[in-house]
C-alpha cells in the first residue's frame, strides 16, 4: 500500500470519528446521504487491486 493510500485511509478514519463524535454530542441523526458517503469511503478504504 502506497504512502498516499495510507494517508487517505487515515484521513477517512479520522473524519468518520469526528463526524460520529459530533453527532453524539449534538444529537444528530443519520441521513441517507451520510450512509451513502460512509459506504463509499469504506469501499475506497478496503479496495484491493489485483495485478494478476
N, C-alpha and C. Protein backbone atom coordinates (compact mmCIF):
# COMPACT_ATOMS: atom_id res chain seq x y z
N UNK A 1 0.85 -1.17 0.00
CA UNK A 1 0.00 0.00 0.00
C UNK A 1 0.90 1.24 0.00
N UNK A 2 0.63 2.15 -0.90
CA UNK A 2 1.46 3.35 -1.01
C UNK A 2 1.23 4.28 0.18
N UNK A 3 2.15 5.18 0.37
CA UNK A 3 2.05 6.13 1.48
C UNK A 3 0.82 7.02 1.32
N UNK A 4 0.51 7.40 0.08
CA UNK A 4 -0.66 8.25 -0.15
C UNK A 4 -1.95 7.50 0.17
N UNK A 5 -2.00 6.22 -0.13
CA UNK A 5 -3.18 5.41 0.18
C UNK A 5 -3.35 5.29 1.69
N UNK A 6 -2.24 5.14 2.40
CA UNK A 6 -2.31 5.05 3.86
C UNK A 6 -2.76 6.38 4.47
N UNK A 7 -2.27 7.48 3.93
CA UNK A 7 -2.68 8.80 4.42
C UNK A 7 -4.16 9.02 4.14
N UNK A 8 -4.63 8.63 2.97
CA UNK A 8 -6.04 8.78 2.63
C UNK A 8 -6.92 7.95 3.55
N UNK A 9 -6.46 6.74 3.87
CA UNK A 9 -7.23 5.87 4.76
C UNK A 9 -7.27 6.46 6.17
N UNK A 10 -6.16 6.99 6.64
CA UNK A 10 -6.11 7.63 7.95
C UNK A 10 -7.03 8.84 7.99
N UNK A 11 -6.99 9.66 6.94
CA UNK A 11 -7.85 10.84 6.86
C UNK A 11 -9.32 10.44 6.91
N UNK A 12 -9.66 9.42 6.19
CA UNK A 12 -11.04 8.94 6.15
C UNK A 12 -11.48 8.46 7.53
N UNK A 13 -10.62 7.71 8.21
CA UNK A 13 -10.96 7.21 9.54
C UNK A 13 -11.11 8.35 10.54
N UNK A 14 -10.22 9.33 10.47
CA UNK A 14 -10.31 10.48 11.36
C UNK A 14 -11.59 11.28 11.12
N UNK A 15 -11.95 11.44 9.87
CA UNK A 15 -13.16 12.18 9.54
C UNK A 15 -14.40 11.46 10.07
N UNK A 16 -14.45 10.14 9.90
CA UNK A 16 -15.59 9.36 10.41
C UNK A 16 -15.68 9.49 11.93
N UNK A 17 -14.53 9.41 12.60
CA UNK A 17 -14.51 9.54 14.06
C UNK A 17 -15.00 10.90 14.50
N UNK A 18 -14.57 11.93 13.83
CA UNK A 18 -15.01 13.28 14.16
C UNK A 18 -16.50 13.45 13.91
N UNK A 19 -16.98 12.97 12.77
CA UNK A 19 -18.40 13.07 12.45
C UNK A 19 -19.25 12.34 13.48
N UNK A 20 -18.84 11.13 13.84
CA UNK A 20 -19.58 10.35 14.82
C UNK A 20 -19.57 11.00 16.19
N UNK A 21 -18.43 11.55 16.57
CA UNK A 21 -18.32 12.23 17.86
C UNK A 21 -19.22 13.45 17.93
N UNK A 22 -19.23 14.24 16.88
CA UNK A 22 -20.09 15.43 16.86
C UNK A 22 -21.56 15.05 16.85
N UNK A 23 -21.91 13.98 16.17
CA UNK A 23 -23.30 13.52 16.15
C UNK A 23 -23.74 13.11 17.55
N UNK A 24 -22.86 12.46 18.29
CA UNK A 24 -23.20 12.06 19.66
C UNK A 24 -23.38 13.28 20.56
N UNK A 25 -22.50 14.24 20.42
CA UNK A 25 -22.56 15.44 21.27
C UNK A 25 -23.81 16.26 20.98
N UNK A 26 -24.11 16.47 19.70
CA UNK A 26 -25.20 17.35 19.32
C UNK A 26 -26.49 16.62 19.00
N UNK A 27 -26.52 15.32 19.21
CA UNK A 27 -27.75 14.56 18.99
C UNK A 27 -28.17 14.47 17.54
N UNK A 28 -27.22 14.45 16.65
CA UNK A 28 -27.53 14.37 15.23
C UNK A 28 -28.10 13.02 14.84
N UNK A 29 -28.80 13.01 13.74
CA UNK A 29 -29.36 11.77 13.22
C UNK A 29 -28.66 11.43 11.91
N UNK A 30 -28.61 10.15 11.62
CA UNK A 30 -28.00 9.68 10.38
C UNK A 30 -29.01 9.86 9.26
N UNK A 31 -28.56 10.44 8.16
CA UNK A 31 -29.43 10.63 7.00
C UNK A 31 -28.88 9.80 5.84
N UNK A 32 -29.73 9.46 4.86
CA UNK A 32 -29.29 8.60 3.76
C UNK A 32 -28.02 9.08 3.05
N UNK A 33 -27.85 10.38 2.89
CA UNK A 33 -26.65 10.89 2.21
C UNK A 33 -25.39 10.54 3.01
N UNK A 34 -25.48 10.56 4.33
CA UNK A 34 -24.33 10.21 5.16
C UNK A 34 -24.01 8.73 5.04
N UNK A 35 -25.05 7.90 4.98
CA UNK A 35 -24.84 6.46 4.81
C UNK A 35 -24.16 6.19 3.48
N UNK A 36 -24.61 6.87 2.43
CA UNK A 36 -24.01 6.70 1.11
C UNK A 36 -22.53 7.07 1.15
N UNK A 37 -22.21 8.20 1.77
CA UNK A 37 -20.82 8.65 1.84
C UNK A 37 -19.97 7.68 2.65
N UNK A 38 -20.49 7.18 3.76
CA UNK A 38 -19.75 6.22 4.57
C UNK A 38 -19.48 4.93 3.80
N UNK A 39 -20.47 4.47 3.04
CA UNK A 39 -20.28 3.26 2.24
C UNK A 39 -19.22 3.47 1.16
N UNK A 40 -19.22 4.64 0.53
CA UNK A 40 -18.21 4.95 -0.48
C UNK A 40 -16.81 4.97 0.13
N UNK A 41 -16.70 5.64 1.29
CA UNK A 41 -15.39 5.73 1.95
C UNK A 41 -14.89 4.36 2.37
N UNK A 42 -15.80 3.54 2.90
CA UNK A 42 -15.41 2.20 3.34
C UNK A 42 -14.96 1.35 2.15
N UNK A 43 -15.67 1.47 1.04
CA UNK A 43 -15.30 0.73 -0.16
C UNK A 43 -13.93 1.18 -0.68
N UNK A 44 -13.69 2.48 -0.69
CA UNK A 44 -12.40 3.00 -1.14
C UNK A 44 -11.27 2.57 -0.21
N UNK A 45 -11.53 2.59 1.10
CA UNK A 45 -10.51 2.22 2.07
C UNK A 45 -10.13 0.74 1.98
N UNK A 46 -11.06 -0.09 1.55
CA UNK A 46 -10.82 -1.53 1.53
C UNK A 46 -10.67 -2.09 0.12
N UNK A 47 -10.40 -1.22 -0.83
CA UNK A 47 -10.22 -1.63 -2.21
C UNK A 47 -8.94 -2.46 -2.34
N UNK A 48 -9.07 -3.59 -3.01
CA UNK A 48 -7.92 -4.46 -3.24
C UNK A 48 -7.65 -4.50 -4.73
N UNK A 49 -6.43 -4.14 -5.12
CA UNK A 49 -6.05 -4.14 -6.52
C UNK A 49 -5.29 -5.42 -6.80
N UNK A 50 -5.80 -6.19 -7.74
CA UNK A 50 -5.18 -7.46 -8.12
C UNK A 50 -4.42 -7.26 -9.43
N UNK A 51 -3.11 -7.35 -9.35
CA UNK A 51 -2.27 -7.14 -10.53
C UNK A 51 -2.10 -8.41 -11.36
N UNK A 52 -2.94 -9.39 -11.14
CA UNK A 52 -2.77 -10.66 -11.83
C UNK A 52 -3.67 -10.78 -12.95
